[in-house]
PDB file of N, CA and C in Angstrom:
ATOM      1  N   UNK A   1      60.701 145.653 -75.299  1.00  0.00           N
ATOM      2  CA  UNK A   1      60.456 146.043 -74.242  1.00  0.00           C
ATOM      3  C   UNK A   1      59.259 145.660 -73.783  1.00  0.00           C
ATOM      4  N   UNK A   2      59.147 144.643 -72.759  1.00  0.00           N
ATOM      5  CA  UNK A   2      57.683 144.856 -72.448  1.00  0.00           C
ATOM      6  C   UNK A   2      56.984 145.945 -71.966  1.00  0.00           C
ATOM      7  N   UNK A   3      55.789 145.868 -72.137  1.00  0.00           N
ATOM      8  CA  UNK A   3      55.096 147.052 -71.110  1.00  0.00           C
ATOM      9  C   UNK A   3      54.016 146.151 -69.959  1.00  0.00           C
ATOM     10  N   UNK A   4      54.097 146.828 -68.672  1.00  0.00           N
ATOM     11  CA  UNK A   4      53.375 146.409 -67.855  1.00  0.00           C
ATOM     12  C   UNK A   4      52.215 147.072 -67.433  1.00  0.00           C
ATOM     13  N   UNK A   5      51.316 146.337 -67.492  1.00  0.00           N
ATOM     14  CA  UNK A   5      49.437 147.196 -66.695  1.00  0.00           C
ATOM     15  C   UNK A   5      49.734 146.384 -65.754  1.00  0.00           C
ATOM     16  N   UNK A   6      49.424 147.205 -65.088  1.00  0.00           N
ATOM     17  CA  UNK A   6      48.982 147.588 -63.767  1.00  0.00           C
ATOM     18  C   UNK A   6      47.638 148.103 -63.551  1.00  0.00           C
ATOM     19  N   UNK A   7      46.914 147.557 -62.877  1.00  0.00           N
ATOM     20  CA  UNK A   7      45.384 147.615 -62.795  1.00  0.00           C
ATOM     21  C   UNK A   7      45.449 147.461 -61.271  1.00  0.00           C
ATOM     22  N   UNK A   8      44.470 148.381 -60.768  1.00  0.00           N
ATOM     23  CA  UNK A   8      44.184 148.926 -59.471  1.00  0.00           C
ATOM     24  C   UNK A   8      43.896 147.628 -58.415  1.00  0.00           C
ATOM     25  N   UNK A   9      44.948 147.145 -57.365  1.00  0.00           N
ATOM     26  CA  UNK A   9      44.756 146.638 -56.751  1.00  0.00           C
ATOM     27  C   UNK A   9      45.077 145.082 -57.598  1.00  0.00           C
ATOM     28  N   UNK A  10      45.034 144.929 -58.516  1.00  0.00           N
ATOM     29  CA  UNK A  10      45.993 143.838 -59.877  1.00  0.00           C
ATOM     30  C   UNK A  10      44.444 143.293 -59.764  1.00  0.00           C
ATOM     31  N   UNK A  11      43.965 143.132 -60.024  1.00  0.00           N
ATOM     32  CA  UNK A  11      42.704 142.516 -59.847  1.00  0.00           C
ATOM     33  C   UNK A  11      41.487 143.325 -61.170  1.00  0.00           C
ATOM     34  N   UNK A  12      40.883 142.660 -61.587  1.00  0.00           N
ATOM     35  CA  UNK A  12      39.851 142.929 -62.772  1.00  0.00           C
ATOM     36  C   UNK A  12      38.891 143.620 -62.139  1.00  0.00           C
ATOM     37  N   UNK A  13      38.018 144.275 -62.621  1.00  0.00           N
ATOM     38  CA  UNK A  13      36.487 144.918 -61.869  1.00  0.00           C
ATOM     39  C   UNK A  13      35.381 143.470 -61.028  1.00  0.00           C
ATOM     40  N   UNK A  14      35.222 142.401 -62.137  1.00  0.00           N
ATOM     41  CA  UNK A  14      34.908 141.403 -61.582  1.00  0.00           C
ATOM     42  C   UNK A  14      35.292 140.834 -60.575  1.00  0.00           C
ATOM     43  N   UNK A  15      36.962 140.290 -60.351  1.00  0.00           N
ATOM     44  CA  UNK A  15      37.263 139.830 -59.058  1.00  0.00           C
ATOM     45  C   UNK A  15      36.996 140.623 -58.046  1.00  0.00           C
ATOM     46  N   UNK A  16      37.287 142.070 -58.391  1.00  0.00           N
ATOM     47  CA  UNK A  16      36.683 143.292 -56.898  1.00  0.00           C
ATOM     48  C   UNK A  16      35.772 142.797 -56.711  1.00  0.00           C
ATOM     49  N   UNK A  17      34.504 143.160 -57.785  1.00  0.00           N
ATOM     50  CA  UNK A  17      33.212 142.623 -57.310  1.00  0.00           C
ATOM     51  C   UNK A  17      32.856 141.650 -56.179  1.00  0.00           C
ATOM     52  N   UNK A  18      33.573 140.356 -56.512  1.00  0.00           N
ATOM     53  CA  UNK A  18      33.327 139.074 -56.192  1.00  0.00           C
ATOM     54  C   UNK A  18      33.883 139.010 -54.638  1.00  0.00           C
ATOM     55  N   UNK A  19      35.519 139.792 -54.845  1.00  0.00           N
ATOM     56  CA  UNK A  19      36.073 139.565 -53.129  1.00  0.00           C
ATOM     57  C   UNK A  19      35.140 140.592 -52.478  1.00  0.00           C
ATOM     58  N   UNK A  20      34.814 141.761 -52.914  1.00  0.00           N
ATOM     59  CA  UNK A  20      33.545 142.380 -51.832  1.00  0.00           C
ATOM     60  C   UNK A  20      32.367 141.389 -51.649  1.00  0.00           C
ATOM     61  N   UNK A  21      31.657 141.111 -52.700  1.00  0.00           N
ATOM     62  CA  UNK A  21      30.821 140.335 -52.134  1.00  0.00           C
ATOM     63  C   UNK A  21      30.900 139.194 -50.839  1.00  0.00           C
ATOM     64  N   UNK A  22      32.059 138.123 -51.139  1.00  0.00           N
ATOM     65  CA  UNK A  22      32.553 137.656 -50.235  1.00  0.00           C
ATOM     66  C   UNK A  22      32.795 138.159 -48.877  1.00  0.00           C
ATOM     67  N   UNK A  23      33.507 139.121 -48.612  1.00  0.00           N
ATOM     68  CA  UNK A  23      33.625 140.664 -47.588  1.00  0.00           C
ATOM     69  C   UNK A  23      32.522 140.514 -46.923  1.00  0.00           C
ATOM     70  N   UNK A  24      31.139 140.773 -47.713  1.00  0.00           N
ATOM     71  CA  UNK A  24      30.274 141.435 -46.870  1.00  0.00           C
ATOM     72  C   UNK A  24      29.049 140.374 -46.280  1.00  0.00           C
ATOM     73  N   UNK A  25      29.235 138.945 -47.252  1.00  0.00           N
ATOM     74  CA  UNK A  25      28.804 137.620 -46.932  1.00  0.00           C
ATOM     75  C   UNK A  25      29.217 137.219 -45.478  1.00  0.00           C
ATOM     76  N   UNK A  26      31.001 137.569 -45.060  1.00  0.00           N
ATOM     77  CA  UNK A  26      31.843 136.749 -44.203  1.00  0.00           C
ATOM     78  C   UNK A  26      31.295 138.056 -43.177  1.00  0.00           C
ATOM     79  N   UNK A  27      30.888 139.432 -43.067  1.00  0.00           N
ATOM     80  CA  UNK A  27      30.704 139.750 -42.246  1.00  0.00           C
ATOM     81  C   UNK A  27      28.865 139.891 -41.471  1.00  0.00           C
ATOM     82  N   UNK A  28      28.232 139.480 -42.822  1.00  0.00           N
ATOM     83  CA  UNK A  28      27.087 139.074 -42.461  1.00  0.00           C
ATOM     84  C   UNK A  28      26.941 137.902 -41.294  1.00  0.00           C
ATOM     85  N   UNK A  29      27.387 137.310 -41.865  1.00  0.00           N
ATOM     86  CA  UNK A  29      27.658 135.600 -41.062  1.00  0.00           C
ATOM     87  C   UNK A  29      28.051 135.643 -39.419  1.00  0.00           C
ATOM     88  N   UNK A  30      29.314 136.582 -39.483  1.00  0.00           N
ATOM     89  CA  UNK A  30      29.416 137.176 -38.123  1.00  0.00           C
ATOM     90  C   UNK A  30      28.802 138.009 -37.297  1.00  0.00           C
ATOM     91  N   UNK A  31      28.067 139.179 -38.263  1.00  0.00           N
ATOM     92  CA  UNK A  31      26.393 139.541 -37.365  1.00  0.00           C
ATOM     93  C   UNK A  31      25.636 138.556 -36.850  1.00  0.00           C
ATOM     94  N   UNK A  32      25.244 137.748 -37.850  1.00  0.00           N
ATOM     95  CA  UNK A  32      24.377 136.732 -37.668  1.00  0.00           C
ATOM     96  C   UNK A  32      24.841 135.946 -35.940  1.00  0.00           C
ATOM     97  N   UNK A  33      25.953 135.266 -35.940  1.00  0.00           N
ATOM     98  CA  UNK A  33      27.074 134.624 -34.985  1.00  0.00           C
ATOM     99  C   UNK A  33      26.508 135.905 -33.660  1.00  0.00           C
ATOM    100  N   UNK A  34      26.632 136.926 -33.489  1.00  0.00           N
ATOM    101  CA  UNK A  34      26.777 137.798 -32.992  1.00  0.00           C
ATOM    102  C   UNK A  34      25.630 137.779 -32.048  1.00  0.00           C
ATOM    103  N   UNK A  35      23.489 137.584 -32.955  1.00  0.00           N
ATOM    104  CA  UNK A  35      22.791 138.095 -32.536  1.00  0.00           C
ATOM    105  C   UNK A  35      22.359 136.809 -32.058  1.00  0.00           C
ATOM    106  N   UNK A  36      22.909 135.450 -32.543  1.00  0.00           N
ATOM    107  CA  UNK A  36      22.595 133.862 -31.931  1.00  0.00           C
ATOM    108  C   UNK A  36      22.702 133.885 -30.509  1.00  0.00           C
ATOM    109  N   UNK A  37      23.890 134.584 -30.053  1.00  0.00           N
ATOM    110  CA  UNK A  37      24.881 134.163 -29.141  1.00  0.00           C
ATOM    111  C   UNK A  37      24.373 135.103 -28.052  1.00  0.00           C
ATOM    112  N   UNK A  38      23.838 136.648 -28.712  1.00  0.00           N
ATOM    113  CA  UNK A  38      23.360 137.506 -27.494  1.00  0.00           C
ATOM    114  C   UNK A  38      22.053 136.639 -27.162  1.00  0.00           C
ATOM    115  N   UNK A  39      21.476 136.584 -28.219  1.00  0.00           N
ATOM    116  CA  UNK A  39      19.680 135.699 -27.758  1.00  0.00           C
ATOM    117  C   UNK A  39      20.186 134.730 -26.613  1.00  0.00           C
ATOM    118  N   UNK A  40      21.115 133.758 -27.109  1.00  0.00           N
ATOM    119  CA  UNK A  40      21.682 132.553 -26.155  1.00  0.00           C
ATOM    120  C   UNK A  40      21.723 133.410 -24.541  1.00  0.00           C
ATOM    121  N   UNK A  41      22.516 134.195 -24.435  1.00  0.00           N
ATOM    122  CA  UNK A  41      22.732 134.276 -23.565  1.00  0.00           C
ATOM    123  C   UNK A  41      21.708 135.431 -22.434  1.00  0.00           C
ATOM    124  N   UNK A  42      20.941 135.513 -23.337  1.00  0.00           N
ATOM    125  CA  UNK A  42      19.702 136.630 -22.643  1.00  0.00           C
ATOM    126  C   UNK A  42      18.851 135.311 -22.328  1.00  0.00           C
ATOM    127  N   UNK A  43      19.036 134.121 -22.824  1.00  0.00           N
ATOM    128  CA  UNK A  43      18.109 132.743 -22.416  1.00  0.00           C
ATOM    129  C   UNK A  43      18.565 132.136 -21.291  1.00  0.00           C
ATOM    130  N   UNK A  44      19.940 132.443 -20.926  1.00  0.00           N
ATOM    131  CA  UNK A  44      20.552 131.909 -20.125  1.00  0.00           C
ATOM    132  C   UNK A  44      20.366 132.962 -18.882  1.00  0.00           C
ATOM    133  N   UNK A  45      20.045 133.943 -18.505  1.00  0.00           N
ATOM    134  CA  UNK A  45      19.922 134.496 -17.781  1.00  0.00           C
ATOM    135  C   UNK A  45      18.447 134.188 -17.160  1.00  0.00           C
ATOM    136  N   UNK A  46      17.441 133.948 -17.786  1.00  0.00           N
ATOM    137  CA  UNK A  46      16.042 134.372 -17.638  1.00  0.00           C
ATOM    138  C   UNK A  46      15.887 132.219 -16.913  1.00  0.00           C
ATOM    139  N   UNK A  47      15.164 131.805 -15.636  1.00  0.00           N
ATOM    140  CA  UNK A  47      14.869 130.971 -15.427  1.00  0.00           C
ATOM    141  C   UNK A  47      14.145 130.462 -16.557  1.00  0.00           C
ATOM    142  N   UNK A  48      14.074 128.945 -16.509  1.00  0.00           N
ATOM    143  CA  UNK A  48      13.184 128.406 -17.275  1.00  0.00           C
ATOM    144  C   UNK A  48      11.635 128.202 -16.714  1.00  0.00           C
ATOM    145  N   UNK A  49      10.780 128.469 -18.338  1.00  0.00           N
ATOM    146  CA  UNK A  49       9.222 128.922 -18.063  1.00  0.00           C
ATOM    147  C   UNK A  49       8.467 127.687 -17.354  1.00  0.00           C
ATOM    148  N   UNK A  50       7.614 127.611 -16.489  1.00  0.00           N
ATOM    149  CA  UNK A  50       6.652 126.732 -15.515  1.00  0.00           C
ATOM    150  C   UNK A  50       5.263 126.651 -16.352  1.00  0.00           C
ATOM    151  N   UNK A  51       4.999 125.315 -16.430  1.00  0.00           N
ATOM    152  CA  UNK A  51       3.971 124.870 -16.987  1.00  0.00           C
ATOM    153  C   UNK A  51       3.587 123.839 -16.262  1.00  0.00           C
ATOM    154  N   UNK A  52       1.855 123.994 -16.139  1.00  0.00           N
ATOM    155  CA  UNK A  52       1.078 123.597 -14.940  1.00  0.00           C
ATOM    156  C   UNK A  52       0.884 121.944 -15.794  1.00  0.00           C
ATOM    157  N   UNK A  53       1.253 120.741 -14.798  1.00  0.00           N
ATOM    158  CA  UNK A  53       1.252 119.932 -15.233  1.00  0.00           C
ATOM    159  C   UNK A  53       2.549 119.094 -15.454  1.00  0.00           C
ATOM    160  N   UNK A  54       3.252 119.404 -15.952  1.00  0.00           N
ATOM    161  CA  UNK A  54       4.684 119.263 -16.706  1.00  0.00           C
ATOM    162  C   UNK A  54       6.077 119.775 -16.248  1.00  0.00           C
ATOM    163  N   UNK A  55       5.941 120.377 -15.552  1.00  0.00           N
ATOM    164  CA  UNK A  55       7.014 121.706 -14.567  1.00  0.00           C
ATOM    165  C   UNK A  55       7.711 122.416 -15.494  1.00  0.00           C
ATOM    166  N   UNK A  56       9.246 122.655 -15.013  1.00  0.00           N
ATOM    167  CA  UNK A  56       9.477 123.156 -16.053  1.00  0.00           C
ATOM    168  C   UNK A  56      10.552 123.160 -17.481  1.00  0.00           C
ATOM    169  N   UNK A  57      10.078 124.036 -18.309  1.00  0.00           N
ATOM    170  CA  UNK A  57      10.218 123.461 -19.548  1.00  0.00           C
ATOM    171  C   UNK A  57      11.508 125.205 -19.927  1.00  0.00           C
ATOM    172  N   UNK A  58      12.223 124.617 -20.548  1.00  0.00           N
ATOM    173  CA  UNK A  58      13.163 125.625 -21.051  1.00  0.00           C
ATOM    174  C   UNK A  58      12.699 126.981 -22.052  1.00  0.00           C
ATOM    175  N   UNK A  59      13.155 127.772 -21.816  1.00  0.00           N
ATOM    176  CA  UNK A  59      12.832 128.975 -22.439  1.00  0.00           C
ATOM    177  C   UNK A  59      13.125 128.923 -24.329  1.00  0.00           C
ATOM    178  N   UNK A  60      12.431 129.337 -25.079  1.00  0.00           N
ATOM    179  CA  UNK A  60      12.819 129.415 -26.370  1.00  0.00           C
ATOM    180  C   UNK A  60      13.114 131.029 -26.620  1.00  0.00           C
ATOM    181  N   UNK A  61      14.141 131.606 -27.462  1.00  0.00           N
ATOM    182  CA  UNK A  61      14.299 132.975 -27.827  1.00  0.00           C
ATOM    183  C   UNK A  61      13.810 133.062 -29.129  1.00  0.00           C
ATOM    184  N   UNK A  62      14.104 133.642 -29.528  1.00  0.00           N
ATOM    185  CA  UNK A  62      14.027 134.379 -31.100  1.00  0.00           C
ATOM    186  C   UNK A  62      14.651 135.510 -31.211  1.00  0.00           C
ATOM    187  N   UNK A  63      15.509 134.934 -32.598  1.00  0.00           N
ATOM    188  CA  UNK A  63      16.265 135.646 -33.579  1.00  0.00           C
ATOM    189  C   UNK A  63      15.826 136.067 -34.738  1.00  0.00           C
ATOM    190  N   UNK A  64      15.706 137.976 -34.747  1.00  0.00           N
ATOM    191  CA  UNK A  64      15.241 138.285 -36.165  1.00  0.00           C
ATOM    192  C   UNK A  64      16.368 138.785 -37.405  1.00  0.00           C
ATOM    193  N   UNK A  65      16.046 138.819 -38.512  1.00  0.00           N
ATOM    194  CA  UNK A  65      16.677 139.457 -39.530  1.00  0.00           C
ATOM    195  C   UNK A  65      17.174 140.753 -39.229  1.00  0.00           C
ATOM    196  N   UNK A  66      15.495 140.943 -38.516  1.00  0.00           N
ATOM    197  CA  UNK A  66      16.188 143.156 -38.129  1.00  0.00           C
ATOM    198  C   UNK A  66      17.457 142.896 -37.509  1.00  0.00           C
ATOM    199  N   UNK A  67      17.692 141.480 -36.415  1.00  0.00           N
ATOM    200  CA  UNK A  67      18.989 141.273 -34.970  1.00  0.00           C
ATOM    201  C   UNK A  67      19.860 141.741 -35.753  1.00  0.00           C
ATOM    202  N   UNK A  68      20.150 140.994 -36.878  1.00  0.00           N
ATOM    203  CA  UNK A  68      21.500 140.532 -37.895  1.00  0.00           C
ATOM    204  C   UNK A  68      21.686 141.897 -38.063  1.00  0.00           C
ATOM    205  N   UNK A  69      20.760 143.135 -39.267  1.00  0.00           N
ATOM    206  CA  UNK A  69      20.890 143.865 -40.270  1.00  0.00           C
ATOM    207  C   UNK A  69      21.694 144.483 -38.926  1.00  0.00           C
ATOM    208  N   UNK A  70      21.007 145.205 -37.474  1.00  0.00           N
ATOM    209  CA  UNK A  70      21.069 145.801 -36.113  1.00  0.00           C
ATOM    210  C   UNK A  70      22.497 146.234 -36.306  1.00  0.00           C
ATOM    211  N   UNK A  71      22.883 144.281 -35.892  1.00  0.00           N
ATOM    212  CA  UNK A  71      24.622 143.833 -35.455  1.00  0.00           C
ATOM    213  C   UNK A  71      25.607 144.883 -36.555  1.00  0.00           C
ATOM    214  N   UNK A  72      25.068 144.274 -38.029  1.00  0.00           N
ATOM    215  CA  UNK A  72      26.051 144.267 -38.864  1.00  0.00           C
ATOM    216  C   UNK A  72      26.442 145.846 -39.119  1.00  0.00           C
ATOM    217  N   UNK A  73      25.424 146.711 -39.386  1.00  0.00           N
ATOM    218  CA  UNK A  73      25.002 148.568 -38.866  1.00  0.00           C
ATOM    219  C   UNK A  73      26.213 148.712 -37.880  1.00  0.00           C
ATOM    220  N   UNK A  74      25.732 148.059 -36.570  1.00  0.00           N
ATOM    221  CA  UNK A  74      26.911 148.578 -35.302  1.00  0.00           C
ATOM    222  C   UNK A  74      27.905 147.987 -35.462  1.00  0.00           C
ATOM    223  N   UNK A  75      28.175 147.154 -36.079  1.00  0.00           N
ATOM    224  CA  UNK A  75      29.591 146.577 -36.318  1.00  0.00           C
ATOM    225  C   UNK A  75      30.294 147.091 -37.056  1.00  0.00           C
ATOM    226  N   UNK A  76      30.065 146.776 -38.521  1.00  0.00           N
ATOM    227  CA  UNK A  76      30.221 146.858 -39.596  1.00  0.00           C
ATOM    228  C   UNK A  76      29.833 148.139 -40.515  1.00  0.00           C
ATOM    229  N   UNK A  77      29.217 149.145 -40.150  1.00  0.00           N
ATOM    230  CA  UNK A  77      28.964 150.155 -40.465  1.00  0.00           C
ATOM    231  C   UNK A  77      27.830 149.653 -42.125  1.00  0.00           C
ATOM    232  N   UNK A  78      27.393 148.260 -42.061  1.00  0.00           N
ATOM    233  CA  UNK A  78      26.900 148.207 -42.828  1.00  0.00           C
ATOM    234  C   UNK A  78      25.345 148.534 -43.152  1.00  0.00           C
ATOM    235  N   UNK A  79      24.994 149.594 -44.014  1.00  0.00           N
ATOM    236  CA  UNK A  79      23.637 150.423 -43.890  1.00  0.00           C
ATOM    237  C   UNK A  79      22.609 149.958 -44.749  1.00  0.00           C
ATOM    238  N   UNK A  80      23.225 149.297 -46.145  1.00  0.00           N
ATOM    239  CA  UNK A  80      22.167 148.778 -47.215  1.00  0.00           C
ATOM    240  C   UNK A  80      22.756 147.577 -47.605  1.00  0.00           C
ATOM    241  N   UNK A  81      21.798 146.606 -46.668  1.00  0.00           N
ATOM    242  CA  UNK A  81      21.900 144.721 -47.090  1.00  0.00           C
ATOM    243  C   UNK A  81      20.871 144.720 -47.432  1.00  0.00           C
ATOM    244  N   UNK A  82      20.620 143.820 -48.265  1.00  0.00           N
ATOM    245  CA  UNK A  82      18.900 143.822 -48.583  1.00  0.00           C
ATOM    246  C   UNK A  82      19.159 142.422 -47.963  1.00  0.00           C
ATOM    247  N   UNK A  83      17.386 142.397 -47.251  1.00  0.00           N
ATOM    248  CA  UNK A  83      16.561 141.757 -46.097  1.00  0.00           C
ATOM    249  C   UNK A  83      16.575 139.937 -46.320  1.00  0.00           C
ATOM    250  N   UNK A  84      16.618 140.151 -47.641  1.00  0.00           N
ATOM    251  CA  UNK A  84      16.840 138.612 -48.204  1.00  0.00           C
ATOM    252  C   UNK A  84      18.181 137.839 -48.130  1.00  0.00           C
ATOM    253  N   UNK A  85      19.314 138.962 -48.559  1.00  0.00           N
ATOM    254  CA  UNK A  85      20.876 138.103 -48.291  1.00  0.00           C
ATOM    255  C   UNK A  85      21.081 138.000 -46.807  1.00  0.00           C
ATOM    256  N   UNK A  86      20.692 138.974 -45.571  1.00  0.00           N
ATOM    257  CA  UNK A  86      20.743 138.646 -44.275  1.00  0.00           C
ATOM    258  C   UNK A  86      19.884 137.693 -43.796  1.00  0.00           C
ATOM    259  N   UNK A  87      18.564 137.044 -44.711  1.00  0.00           N
ATOM    260  CA  UNK A  87      18.043 136.229 -44.317  1.00  0.00           C
ATOM    261  C   UNK A  87      18.673 134.528 -44.594  1.00  0.00           C
ATOM    262  N   UNK A  88      19.083 135.013 -45.542  1.00  0.00           N
ATOM    263  CA  UNK A  88      20.003 133.725 -46.410  1.00  0.00           C
ATOM    264  C   UNK A  88      21.083 133.521 -44.878  1.00  0.00           C
ATOM    265  N   UNK A  89      21.949 134.533 -45.080  1.00  0.00           N
ATOM    266  CA  UNK A  89      22.923 134.395 -43.970  1.00  0.00           C
ATOM    267  C   UNK A  89      22.703 133.651 -42.399  1.00  0.00           C
ATOM    268  N   UNK A  90      21.819 134.509 -41.965  1.00  0.00           N
ATOM    269  CA  UNK A  90      20.891 134.027 -40.716  1.00  0.00           C
ATOM    270  C   UNK A  90      20.305 132.449 -40.579  1.00  0.00           C
ATOM    271  N   UNK A  91      19.846 131.885 -41.818  1.00  0.00           N
ATOM    272  CA  UNK A  91      19.252 130.686 -41.981  1.00  0.00           C
ATOM    273  C   UNK A  91      20.322 129.613 -42.076  1.00  0.00           C
ATOM    274  N   UNK A  92      21.428 129.990 -42.844  1.00  0.00           N
ATOM    275  CA  UNK A  92      23.180 129.363 -42.803  1.00  0.00           C
ATOM    276  C   UNK A  92      23.494 129.602 -41.586  1.00  0.00           C
ATOM    277  N   UNK A  93      23.896 130.361 -40.692  1.00  0.00           N
ATOM    278  CA  UNK A  93      24.056 130.234 -39.218  1.00  0.00           C
ATOM    279  C   UNK A  93      23.127 129.274 -38.550  1.00  0.00           C
ATOM    280  N   UNK A  94      21.813 129.780 -38.600  1.00  0.00           N
ATOM    281  CA  UNK A  94      21.195 129.164 -37.415  1.00  0.00           C
ATOM    282  C   UNK A  94      21.141 127.744 -37.425  1.00  0.00           C
ATOM    283  N   UNK A  95      21.549 127.110 -38.694  1.00  0.00           N
ATOM    284  CA  UNK A  95      21.402 125.719 -39.122  1.00  0.00           C
ATOM    285  C   UNK A  95      22.423 125.003 -38.258  1.00  0.00           C
ATOM    286  N   UNK A  96      23.712 125.930 -39.413  1.00  0.00           N
ATOM    287  CA  UNK A  96      24.870 125.319 -38.159  1.00  0.00           C
ATOM    288  C   UNK A  96      24.931 125.350 -36.702  1.00  0.00           C
ATOM    289  N   UNK A  97      24.684 126.432 -36.358  1.00  0.00           N
ATOM    290  CA  UNK A  97      24.959 126.662 -34.959  1.00  0.00           C
ATOM    291  C   UNK A  97      23.713 125.776 -33.933  1.00  0.00           C
ATOM    292  N   UNK A  98      22.677 124.994 -34.743  1.00  0.00           N
ATOM    293  CA  UNK A  98      21.729 124.045 -33.928  1.00  0.00           C
ATOM    294  C   UNK A  98      20.987 125.340 -33.316  1.00  0.00           C
ATOM    295  N   UNK A  99      20.232 126.106 -34.010  1.00  0.00           N
ATOM    296  CA  UNK A  99      19.105 126.920 -33.093  1.00  0.00           C
ATOM    297  C   UNK A  99      17.917 126.265 -33.684  1.00  0.00           C
ATOM    298  N   UNK A 100      18.080 125.484 -34.042  1.00  0.00           N
ATOM    299  CA  UNK A 100      16.071 124.627 -33.612  1.00  0.00           C
ATOM    300  C   UNK A 100      15.812 124.213 -32.418  1.00  0.00           C
ATOM    301  N   UNK A 101      17.122 123.563 -31.465  1.00  0.00           N
ATOM    302  CA  UNK A 101      16.881 123.392 -30.361  1.00  0.00           C
ATOM    303  C   UNK A 101      16.644 124.583 -29.153  1.00  0.00           C
ATOM    304  N   UNK A 102      16.887 125.453 -29.100  1.00  0.00           N
ATOM    305  CA  UNK A 102      16.423 126.299 -28.109  1.00  0.00           C
ATOM    306  C   UNK A 102      15.983 127.778 -29.026  1.00  0.00           C
ATOM    307  N   UNK A 103      16.624 128.122 -29.655  1.00  0.00           N
ATOM    308  CA  UNK A 103      15.666 129.331 -30.529  1.00  0.00           C
ATOM    309  C   UNK A 103      14.610 129.065 -31.777  1.00  0.00           C
ATOM    310  N   UNK A 104      13.865 130.650 -32.271  1.00  0.00           N
ATOM    311  CA  UNK A 104      13.076 130.548 -33.268  1.00  0.00           C
ATOM    312  C   UNK A 104      13.474 131.500 -34.201  1.00  0.00           C
ATOM    313  N   UNK A 105      13.837 131.327 -35.659  1.00  0.00           N
ATOM    314  CA  UNK A 105      13.427 132.968 -36.243  1.00  0.00           C
ATOM    315  C   UNK A 105      12.859 132.940 -37.521  1.00  0.00           C
ATOM    316  N   UNK A 106      12.797 134.360 -37.639  1.00  0.00           N
ATOM    317  CA  UNK A 106      12.049 134.565 -39.046  1.00  0.00           C
ATOM    318  C   UNK A 106      12.308 134.531 -40.590  1.00  0.00           C
ATOM    319  N   UNK A 107      14.091 133.822 -40.541  1.00  0.00           N
ATOM    320  CA  UNK A 107      14.895 133.887 -41.679  1.00  0.00           C
ATOM    321  C   UNK A 107      13.970 133.107 -42.744  1.00  0.00           C
ATOM    322  N   UNK A 108      12.996 132.202 -42.124  1.00  0.00           N
ATOM    323  CA  UNK A 108      12.609 131.350 -43.250  1.00  0.00           C
ATOM    324  C   UNK A 108      11.308 132.023 -43.647  1.00  0.00           C
ATOM    325  N   UNK A 109      10.864 133.087 -43.489  1.00  0.00           N
ATOM    326  CA  UNK A 109       9.567 133.873 -44.168  1.00  0.00           C
ATOM    327  C   UNK A 109       9.875 134.527 -45.203  1.00  0.00           C
ATOM    328  N   UNK A 110      10.713 134.940 -45.168  1.00  0.00           N
ATOM    329  CA  UNK A 110      11.541 136.317 -46.507  1.00  0.00           C
ATOM    330  C   UNK A 110      12.150 135.557 -48.055  1.00  0.00           C
TER     331      UNK A 110
END
C-alpha cells in the first residue's frame, strides 16, 4: 500500500513563497495602475497652463512611489512593502502605459 503525503496546499514552501511573491507583485501593479489613472484623471480636470509667448501647454502630473504604497495599503492591505519593490513596479507600469508623455515620477531615483 502506498502512502500518500499531503502537503499544505499541495505545494512546497518554496512554491508557496514564489506564488505569494507573484501575487504581491500583481497587487502592486494594480496599485500603480490606480495611481497613474488617478493622476491622469486629475490632470484631465485642469485647464492647460498658459505660457507667455508659447500659448497653452498641457499640464504634467507626478506619480510617486508613496502614491503606489498608499493605494496598495488602501485597496489590498499591504502595509509592509519595501519602497524599492514598489518603485520597480511603478517603473514597469509607468513605461508600459506611456507615462513619459504626461507624467513624471520619482521611481527612477530609488
